[in-house]
């Protein structure tokens, strides 16, 4: 059984790399690979959201505020190189508030969105089920989420002219966080300062 993932939205998974906790007013973007994540009718297939991802690893997304067109374009280039059968690559821009919306039956959200920033990728976040669930329940939550997701778009449609400094903003926040963390002493000792 895989290790229980980080699900606490109030804490960062890697606080010394984090540009900050994921806010409900943010937009996250998921890369959609054609044909892997799309059905013959062009609609999102269930393969677009892996049950293993939402249960254990986290469904990887990028926080739009901390990334940029060229950074995501580079990621898409790498996907196409790694998977030559990919015809097109799209993004699915999703408001975090839509993912965190409470379930009408329980009053609690089915999903959480956690900051999972990585070194040189401050925008990385993960969507997970809000608690541990079996495969059948997870499939139901996933199918419900799939029905609520907006339409995927071409990458250039997801970014406006005011979004071009997102990655730099994220890197600045990440560097600031690293310098303010207890880990700064490790970097100082490595650099001789």
C-alpha atoms as a PDB file:
ATOM      1  CA  UNK A   1       0.000   0.000   0.000  1.00  0.00           C
ATOM      2  CA  UNK A   2       1.437   3.411  -0.926  1.00  0.00           C
ATOM      3  CA  UNK A   3       2.341   5.888   1.797  1.00  0.00           C
ATOM      4  CA  UNK A   4      -0.428   8.253   2.910  1.00  0.00           C
ATOM      5  CA  UNK A   5      -0.043  11.558   0.992  1.00  0.00           C
ATOM      6  CA  UNK A   6       0.112  15.057   2.405  1.00  0.00           C
ATOM      7  CA  UNK A   7      -3.487  16.329   2.551  1.00  0.00           C
ATOM      8  CA  UNK A   8      -3.306  19.258   4.974  1.00  0.00           C
ATOM      9  CA  UNK A   9      -4.077  22.392   2.957  1.00  0.00           C
ATOM     10  CA  UNK A  10      -3.031  24.584   5.881  1.00  0.00           C
ATOM     11  CA  UNK A  11       0.569  23.386   5.680  1.00  0.00           C
ATOM     12  CA  UNK A  12       2.978  23.176   2.809  1.00  0.00           C
ATOM     13  CA  UNK A  13       4.393  19.793   1.825  1.00  0.00           C
ATOM     14  CA  UNK A  14       7.823  21.397   1.352  1.00  0.00           C
ATOM     15  CA  UNK A  15       7.676  24.656   3.352  1.00  0.00           C
ATOM     16  CA  UNK A  16      11.200  25.759   2.472  1.00  0.00           C
ATOM     17  CA  UNK A  17      10.386  25.538  -1.272  1.00  0.00           C
ATOM     18  CA  UNK A  18       6.868  26.918  -1.114  1.00  0.00           C
ATOM     19  CA  UNK A  19       5.825  30.251  -2.595  1.00  0.00           C
ATOM     20  CA  UNK A  20       2.831  30.041  -0.239  1.00  0.00           C
ATOM     21  CA  UNK A  21      -0.264  27.968   0.414  1.00  0.00           C
ATOM     22  CA  UNK A  22      -2.694  27.421  -2.455  1.00  0.00           C
ATOM     23  CA  UNK A  23      -5.481  29.998  -2.218  1.00  0.00           C
ATOM     24  CA  UNK A  24      -9.076  29.342  -3.274  1.00  0.00           C
ATOM     25  CA  UNK A  25      -9.034  32.329  -5.659  1.00  0.00           C
ATOM     26  CA  UNK A  26      -6.177  30.820  -7.703  1.00  0.00           C
ATOM     27  CA  UNK A  27      -6.382  28.874 -10.948  1.00  0.00           C
ATOM     28  CA  UNK A  28      -4.512  25.613 -11.378  1.00  0.00           C
ATOM     29  CA  UNK A  29      -3.729  24.071 -14.743  1.00  0.00           C
ATOM     30  CA  UNK A  30      -3.499  20.431 -15.676  1.00  0.00           C
ATOM     31  CA  UNK A  31      -1.748  19.259 -18.828  1.00  0.00           C
ATOM     32  CA  UNK A  32      -4.033  17.228 -21.085  1.00  0.00           C
ATOM     33  CA  UNK A  33      -2.436  14.878 -23.619  1.00  0.00           C
ATOM     34  CA  UNK A  34      -4.254  14.004 -26.832  1.00  0.00           C
ATOM     35  CA  UNK A  35      -5.042  11.105 -27.257  1.00  0.00           C
ATOM     36  CA  UNK A  36      -4.090   9.760 -23.776  1.00  0.00           C
ATOM     37  CA  UNK A  37      -6.562  11.901 -21.807  1.00  0.00           C
ATOM     38  CA  UNK A  38      -9.273  12.378 -24.428  1.00  0.00           C
ATOM     39  CA  UNK A  39     -11.997  10.090 -25.672  1.00  0.00           C
ATOM     40  CA  UNK A  40     -12.830   9.624 -29.374  1.00  0.00           C
ATOM     41  CA  UNK A  41     -15.455  12.372 -29.012  1.00  0.00           C
ATOM     42  CA  UNK A  42     -12.826  14.873 -27.811  1.00  0.00           C
ATOM     43  CA  UNK A  43     -14.170  14.958 -24.253  1.00  0.00           C
ATOM     44  CA  UNK A  44     -12.030  14.296 -21.201  1.00  0.00           C
ATOM     45  CA  UNK A  45     -11.667  10.570 -20.591  1.00  0.00           C
ATOM     46  CA  UNK A  46     -11.442   9.035 -17.137  1.00  0.00           C
ATOM     47  CA  UNK A  47      -7.733   8.502 -17.863  1.00  0.00           C
ATOM     48  CA  UNK A  48      -7.306  12.274 -17.466  1.00  0.00           C
ATOM     49  CA  UNK A  49      -7.548  11.763 -13.691  1.00  0.00           C
ATOM     50  CA  UNK A  50      -5.806   8.645 -12.448  1.00  0.00           C
ATOM     51  CA  UNK A  51      -7.365   7.008  -9.391  1.00  0.00           C
ATOM     52  CA  UNK A  52      -3.879   6.363  -8.047  1.00  0.00           C
ATOM     53  CA  UNK A  53      -3.080  10.060  -8.376  1.00  0.00           C
ATOM     54  CA  UNK A  54      -6.104  11.361  -6.488  1.00  0.00           C
ATOM     55  CA  UNK A  55      -5.801   8.652  -3.832  1.00  0.00           C
ATOM     56  CA  UNK A  56      -2.055   8.472  -3.216  1.00  0.00           C
ATOM     57  CA  UNK A  57       0.343  10.613  -5.286  1.00  0.00           C
ATOM     58  CA  UNK A  58      -1.639  13.721  -6.082  1.00  0.00           C
ATOM     59  CA  UNK A  59      -3.011  14.815  -9.441  1.00  0.00           C
ATOM     60  CA  UNK A  60      -0.242  17.172 -10.566  1.00  0.00           C
ATOM     61  CA  UNK A  61      -1.243  20.693 -11.494  1.00  0.00           C
ATOM     62  CA  UNK A  62       0.549  24.018 -11.952  1.00  0.00           C
ATOM     63  CA  UNK A  63      -0.509  27.140 -10.101  1.00  0.00           C
ATOM     64  CA  UNK A  64      -1.054  29.681 -12.876  1.00  0.00           C
ATOM     65  CA  UNK A  65       0.058  32.601 -10.689  1.00  0.00           C
ATOM     66  CA  UNK A  66       3.521  31.038 -10.283  1.00  0.00           C
ATOM     67  CA  UNK A  67       4.151  29.776 -13.801  1.00  0.00           C
ATOM     68  CA  UNK A  68       4.163  31.245 -17.283  1.00  0.00           C
ATOM     69  CA  UNK A  69       3.468  30.404 -20.903  1.00  0.00           C
ATOM     70  CA  UNK A  70       7.093  29.647 -21.773  1.00  0.00           C
ATOM     71  CA  UNK A  71       7.547  27.427 -18.685  1.00  0.00           C
ATOM     72  CA  UNK A  72       4.463  25.318 -19.431  1.00  0.00           C
ATOM     73  CA  UNK A  73       5.389  25.262 -23.128  1.00  0.00           C
ATOM     74  CA  UNK A  74       8.783  23.785 -22.147  1.00  0.00           C
ATOM     75  CA  UNK A  75       7.002  21.142 -20.078  1.00  0.00           C
ATOM     76  CA  UNK A  76       4.746  20.297 -23.022  1.00  0.00           C
ATOM     77  CA  UNK A  77       7.758  20.014 -25.325  1.00  0.00           C
ATOM     78  CA  UNK A  78       9.253  17.478 -22.909  1.00  0.00           C
ATOM     79  CA  UNK A  79       5.996  15.509 -22.828  1.00  0.00           C
ATOM     80  CA  UNK A  80       5.886  15.311 -26.618  1.00  0.00           C
ATOM     81  CA  UNK A  81       9.511  14.208 -26.739  1.00  0.00           C
ATOM     82  CA  UNK A  82       8.901  11.529 -24.108  1.00  0.00           C
ATOM     83  CA  UNK A  83       5.637  10.315 -25.699  1.00  0.00           C
ATOM     84  CA  UNK A  84       5.913  10.591 -29.504  1.00  0.00           C
ATOM     85  CA  UNK A  85       2.327   9.359 -30.008  1.00  0.00           C
ATOM     86  CA  UNK A  86       0.971  12.537 -28.426  1.00  0.00           C
ATOM     87  CA  UNK A  87      -0.764  14.586 -31.131  1.00  0.00           C
ATOM     88  CA  UNK A  88      -1.617  17.705 -29.156  1.00  0.00           C
ATOM     89  CA  UNK A  89      -1.088  19.058 -25.668  1.00  0.00           C
ATOM     90  CA  UNK A  90      -3.687  21.230 -23.959  1.00  0.00           C
ATOM     91  CA  UNK A  91      -4.260  22.695 -20.524  1.00  0.00           C
ATOM     92  CA  UNK A  92      -7.252  22.478 -18.298  1.00  0.00           C
ATOM     93  CA  UNK A  93      -7.517  25.718 -16.278  1.00  0.00           C
ATOM     94  CA  UNK A  94      -9.527  25.019 -13.128  1.00  0.00           C
ATOM     95  CA  UNK A  95     -10.440  27.508 -10.389  1.00  0.00           C
ATOM     96  CA  UNK A  96      -9.265  26.074  -7.068  1.00  0.00           C
ATOM     97  CA  UNK A  97     -12.559  27.142  -5.535  1.00  0.00           C
ATOM     98  CA  UNK A  98     -14.365  24.724  -7.889  1.00  0.00           C
ATOM     99  CA  UNK A  99     -12.170  21.837  -6.747  1.00  0.00           C
ATOM    100  CA  UNK A 100     -12.639  22.712  -3.063  1.00  0.00           C
ATOM    101  CA  UNK A 101     -16.408  23.224  -3.352  1.00  0.00           C
ATOM    102  CA  UNK A 102     -18.205  21.382  -0.520  1.00  0.00           C
ATOM    103  CA  UNK A 103     -20.156  18.250  -1.353  1.00  0.00           C
ATOM    104  CA  UNK A 104     -23.890  19.054  -0.930  1.00  0.00           C
ATOM    105  CA  UNK A 105     -24.442  15.792   0.959  1.00  0.00           C
ATOM    106  CA  UNK A 106     -21.581  15.997   3.478  1.00  0.00           C
ATOM    107  CA  UNK A 107     -20.915  19.739   3.545  1.00  0.00           C
ATOM    108  CA  UNK A 108     -17.201  18.934   3.239  1.00  0.00           C
ATOM    109  CA  UNK A 109     -15.021  19.192   0.121  1.00  0.00           C
ATOM    110  CA  UNK A 110     -14.286  15.936  -1.682  1.00  0.00           C
ATOM    111  CA  UNK A 111     -10.879  17.226  -2.786  1.00  0.00           C
ATOM    112  CA  UNK A 112      -8.011  19.281  -1.389  1.00  0.00           C
ATOM    113  CA  UNK A 113      -5.395  21.266  -3.302  1.00  0.00           C
ATOM    114  CA  UNK A 114      -2.008  21.279  -1.612  1.00  0.00           C
ATOM    115  CA  UNK A 115       1.200  23.120  -2.355  1.00  0.00           C
ATOM    116  CA  UNK A 116       3.842  20.631  -3.487  1.00  0.00           C
ATOM    117  CA  UNK A 117       6.430  23.056  -4.828  1.00  0.00           C
ATOM    118  CA  UNK A 118       9.682  21.553  -6.016  1.00  0.00           C
ATOM    119  CA  UNK A 119      13.069  23.125  -6.508  1.00  0.00           C
ATOM    120  CA  UNK A 120      12.877  25.209  -9.704  1.00  0.00           C
ATOM    121  CA  UNK A 121       9.147  24.477  -9.981  1.00  0.00           C
ATOM    122  CA  UNK A 122       7.412  26.724  -7.446  1.00  0.00           C
ATOM    123  CA  UNK A 123       4.060  26.310  -9.243  1.00  0.00           C
ATOM    124  CA  UNK A 124       3.657  22.587  -8.559  1.00  0.00           C
ATOM    125  CA  UNK A 125       0.552  21.614  -6.597  1.00  0.00           C
ATOM    126  CA  UNK A 126      -1.483  18.459  -6.116  1.00  0.00           C
ATOM    127  CA  UNK A 127      -5.180  17.634  -6.076  1.00  0.00           C
ATOM    128  CA  UNK A 128      -6.090  14.768  -3.750  1.00  0.00           C
ATOM    129  CA  UNK A 129      -9.185  13.249  -2.241  1.00  0.00           C
ATOM    130  CA  UNK A 130      -9.761  14.981   1.088  1.00  0.00           C
ATOM    131  CA  UNK A 131      -9.422  11.682   2.936  1.00  0.00           C
ATOM    132  CA  UNK A 132      -8.530   8.054   2.303  1.00  0.00           C
ATOM    133  CA  UNK A 133     -11.139   6.238   0.213  1.00  0.00           C
ATOM    134  CA  UNK A 134     -11.385   2.842  -1.442  1.00  0.00           C
ATOM    135  CA  UNK A 135     -11.124   2.470  -5.193  1.00  0.00           C
ATOM    136  CA  UNK A 136     -14.900   2.380  -5.787  1.00  0.00           C
ATOM    137  CA  UNK A 137     -15.560   5.571  -3.827  1.00  0.00           C
ATOM    138  CA  UNK A 138     -12.559   7.260  -5.450  1.00  0.00           C
ATOM    139  CA  UNK A 139     -13.948   6.376  -8.891  1.00  0.00           C
ATOM    140  CA  UNK A 140     -17.257   8.028  -7.997  1.00  0.00           C
ATOM    141  CA  UNK A 141     -15.535  11.198  -6.761  1.00  0.00           C
ATOM    142  CA  UNK A 142     -13.340  11.276  -9.877  1.00  0.00           C
ATOM    143  CA  UNK A 143     -16.290  10.879 -12.238  1.00  0.00           C
ATOM    144  CA  UNK A 144     -18.173  13.637 -10.440  1.00  0.00           C
ATOM    145  CA  UNK A 145     -15.144  15.945 -10.723  1.00  0.00           C
ATOM    146  CA  UNK A 146     -14.752  15.142 -14.432  1.00  0.00           C
ATOM    147  CA  UNK A 147     -18.332  16.289 -15.077  1.00  0.00           C
ATOM    148  CA  UNK A 148     -17.666  19.634 -13.359  1.00  0.00           C
ATOM    149  CA  UNK A 149     -14.357  20.508 -15.014  1.00  0.00           C
ATOM    150  CA  UNK A 150     -14.237  23.314 -17.589  1.00  0.00           C
ATOM    151  CA  UNK A 151     -13.234  22.752 -21.199  1.00  0.00           C
ATOM    152  CA  UNK A 152      -9.539  22.204 -21.926  1.00  0.00           C
ATOM    153  CA  UNK A 153      -7.925  24.896 -24.076  1.00  0.00           C
ATOM    154  CA  UNK A 154      -4.854  25.521 -26.158  1.00  0.00           C
ATOM    155  CA  UNK A 155      -1.990  26.737 -24.000  1.00  0.00           C
ATOM    156  CA  UNK A 156      -1.946  30.203 -25.561  1.00  0.00           C
ATOM    157  CA  UNK A 157      -5.607  30.706 -24.575  1.00  0.00           C
ATOM    158  CA  UNK A 158      -4.828  30.013 -20.907  1.00  0.00           C
ATOM    159  CA  UNK A 159      -2.404  32.907 -20.507  1.00  0.00           C
ATOM    160  CA  UNK A 160      -2.944  36.627 -20.957  1.00  0.00           C
ATOM    161  CA  UNK A 161      -0.410  39.422 -21.339  1.00  0.00           C
ATOM    162  CA  UNK A 162      -0.366  39.991 -17.559  1.00  0.00           C
ATOM    163  CA  UNK A 163       0.687  36.376 -16.886  1.00  0.00           C
ATOM    164  CA  UNK A 164       4.152  36.465 -18.439  1.00  0.00           C
ATOM    165  CA  UNK A 165       6.091  36.966 -15.187  1.00  0.00           C
ATOM    166  CA  UNK A 166       4.445  34.181 -13.198  1.00  0.00           C
ATOM    167  CA  UNK A 167       7.453  31.861 -13.197  1.00  0.00           C
ATOM    168  CA  UNK A 168       9.792  34.677 -12.162  1.00  0.00           C
ATOM    169  CA  UNK A 169       7.327  35.625  -9.420  1.00  0.00           C
ATOM    170  CA  UNK A 170       7.318  32.021  -8.225  1.00  0.00           C
ATOM    171  CA  UNK A 171      11.106  31.730  -8.302  1.00  0.00           C
ATOM    172  CA  UNK A 172      11.480  34.998  -6.385  1.00  0.00           C
ATOM    173  CA  UNK A 173       9.039  33.749  -3.727  1.00  0.00           C
ATOM    174  CA  UNK A 174      10.846  30.401  -3.593  1.00  0.00           C
ATOM    175  CA  UNK A 175      14.278  32.006  -3.158  1.00  0.00           C
ATOM    176  CA  UNK A 176      12.897  34.338  -0.500  1.00  0.00           C
ATOM    177  CA  UNK A 177      11.386  31.388   1.354  1.00  0.00           C
ATOM    178  CA  UNK A 178      14.625  29.372   1.146  1.00  0.00           C
ATOM    179  CA  UNK A 179      16.662  32.297   2.467  1.00  0.00           C
ATOM    180  CA  UNK A 180      14.242  32.757   5.364  1.00  0.00           C
ATOM    181  CA  UNK A 181      14.167  29.047   6.292  1.00  0.00           C
ATOM    182  CA  UNK A 182      16.372  27.069   8.675  1.00  0.00           C
ATOM    183  CA  UNK A 183      17.860  25.379   5.590  1.00  0.00           C
ATOM    184  CA  UNK A 184      19.643  28.621   4.689  1.00  0.00           C
ATOM    185  CA  UNK A 185      22.475  27.525   7.007  1.00  0.00           C
ATOM    186  CA  UNK A 186      23.045  24.453   4.823  1.00  0.00           C
ATOM    187  CA  UNK A 187      23.416  26.662   1.746  1.00  0.00           C
ATOM    188  CA  UNK A 188      25.720  29.044   3.601  1.00  0.00           C
ATOM    189  CA  UNK A 189      27.993  26.207   4.725  1.00  0.00           C
ATOM    190  CA  UNK A 190      28.061  24.791   1.177  1.00  0.00           C
ATOM    191  CA  UNK A 191      28.978  28.140  -0.354  1.00  0.00           C
ATOM    192  CA  UNK A 192      31.476  29.169   2.322  1.00  0.00           C
ATOM    193  CA  UNK A 193      29.567  32.321   3.395  1.00  0.00           C
END
